[in-house]
Every structure is written in C-alpha cells, then in structure tokens.
C-alpha cells in the first residue's frame, strides 16, 4: 500500500542540513534567538545517542563553550564536563623519557596582562554521547526550530530563495541553506565548489583509559616521530568499566597507517602497554576502556564557503590535522560567525541569505581556517619525524615559547578560542 505523501510547505528563514555538533548547535543558536529555523538530517536522531561509554570525547574550547551556552545546549549536558586547566607539551621518542625542554600552559597565565584572577579553563572535555543527548533534547524543545530526521533532502537554490524538498513530500521554503553534512558534503558537491585535499598517510586512534592516579585536569600533548600523542582529562565515569572509573582520560594518537592497523588489532593488555609506552608513568598503571576508533587523517579546504543561498560550515568547509585539537572548534567558530550575521539580519528585517552577508561570512572565516590548516600541516611535518636537526630546533622553539610570557599568553588565548 502506498503511503500518502505530505504536501506541507514549511516556511523558515534558515534550513541547516546536518544535525551533528556544528549543524545542531548552529540551529539551536539561531532558534534560541527567535530565527525560524529547520534542521534536516539523513539519520534518525535517537539512535545517534549512544547509551554506553564508547571512549569518544570532544575537546570544547572556551570560545566554543560560549556558543553552546548561548544556544542552550550546555545546560542540557547530562553529565558534567571536565575543565582543562593545565596543558603540557613535550617532545620525545618512543619508549624514552621526554625532552627536558618542554612547554607548560597554565590558566593562571592566560588572562589579560597575565592576571591570575581571570583564570578560566582552556576548554572542557565532553563525552560525545553527552553532547548528542543534549543536542537531541534541545533541538526538539525550541519553538522556533523544526527537526526532520531521518529525511533525505533535495535542494533547489535561486536568487529569490531556496526550497528544500524532503522525501515525504514536505517542502521547506527558506532564505538560506547551511551545509553542515561533513567532509563529503553533497550540497558542496552540487554547488561545484572545488576543494584541496592533503593526505597524511596517518591514522588517528581514539580511545580512553582508566588510570591509577588523578590527572589534576591536565592535558598532555607528546610529540613523537610517528605523530602526536594526546592524553585529555575526563570526569569520572560510572560505566566506563564495571564499578565505574574514578580516574579517566581520553587518548587521541597518530600513527602511520600500517602501524595503526597493527596496534588496533592487539588484545587489551598489549594495546594498553602501547599506550603506556607513549604516555609515561605519571598517571600510574593504565588500562583501556571503551571502544577503539580509527580515523584516516587528511586536510581539506573548500575554495569558497558560499554559493547562491548557500553557506558551508564545519567539516563541509574545512578539515585539519588533529595535532592541535582544533578541528571541531574551527567548525564552532564558523557557527559563531554565521549565527551573529544571521541573527543581526533577522533582527533588522534583512535577508539572511543575501550575497553581501555571505561574502562577510566568508571573509571572517576562510582566512582563520586557512591559517589553522597551514599551521597544523607545518606542525605535523615538523614534529612527525626523527630528524636530529629538526628535533633540536623544535625543542629550542618549545623552550623559547615557554620563557616568553606574552607569546605564551597569545598561544593560550588562541587555543581557548577567545583571540582573533
């Protein structure tokens, strides 16, 4: 029996295609400010909530947290986020002590003029499942936001406006379509926006460990010849392992792809030993918890971020090496810029999809993203090798930054997402 198709025409200012962290947060931010918004995702939202601990977490910079707070998402997190108060950057070789030349970032030094009274976290670690739960709950609670998921979208764009046709017959008439569907964005491809890609021949391994000693809200970025190894503090988990885990950290580490595939096949004892070789013994004994995730690493940049009635955001516009932990935060910065422009246009009765607004969005974001892509690419090439000359130069560079307070503060504020 054939189902009757809908003939509904839904009017909105903005349609966000993609309900991931960037698209979902942007849709919530717009709707929370009274902008009539629709979000469409090809996947059903409830199954995207993972009920069990799986080892994945997001590093949310301070500037990104402000977006989530303004959108109303932060208050809906079902578990507290873990603040990052201290970051240590080291260089070394596998199985050997780290170089004696290191770089320490402490939030006491990050305030304007180095004022310790302005101390606030560099960012927070949030479980991926917690953010998904918060987004799903809030998207369905906002009066100015309609959610269609699962739904396949076909988009028509013209100078006068855009229409998004769903498979159930629903049509969304809007003024701006935002593509937030990830690196393989169909909307970007349909707009024939070219991209530049940089393969790295590396794989990112993402997991979590329970450890014997507390992390004291300290993150570690340890540079090794095969790629960076990061330990990121998380809040205690009631279900990471039987009986819960009081001390737990996320692990994000880069390896040459062939080596990564081998390591991912190890049993828990050997896998944990490989983590311990890179982590050192400052957290005591470690044991893997949750699942193991693999991500092929590459960089990508769209040659432009806009087309007629279209804006790209997040991974649809750019992707970078995870060496600085800034990939998702760049997407949130896209959302911040786009939300500011659209909210202001809506308040003034102006067109949120007008060419001049889209041009301003591209000017605000493309340079920042291009700079971060270039920076992370250079850092990976500089640190992911065992050349003795480069090793000596980068160790001296790390030590030099550590000893220049104004330079350290600039790096810290950039990492927090509170500097231009």
Foldseek 3Di string as FASTA:
>chain_A
DDDAFDQAEAEFAEEEEACAPLSLLLQLLQLLLPGQYEYAYQAAQVVVQDPAQAQDKAWQFQVLVVSCVNSVLQVQQPDDWQFQFKEKEFEDAFLDDTDPQIAIDGQCLQDVVSHNVPRDGRTTIGHSSRSSRSSVVSQVVRPSYHYHPNWDWDKDFDLVFIWIATPSNYIYTHRAYEFEHAQVTPVCVVLVFDKDKFFDQKKKKKFKKAFDAAPVSYKYWYFYQQGIKIWGWTQWACRQDVRTGHGMTMIITMGRPVVVVVLLPDDFVVVQVSSCSRPPAPRHRITTTRHMDMDRDMKMATPFQDDRSYGYAARNGIAAGCSLSCRVVLRSVLSVLLSVLQSVCVVVVHRSRDPVSRVVSRVVRVVVRVVVRVVRVVVGVLRNRDPPVSVVVVSVVSNVCNPDSVSSNVVSCVSSVNDD
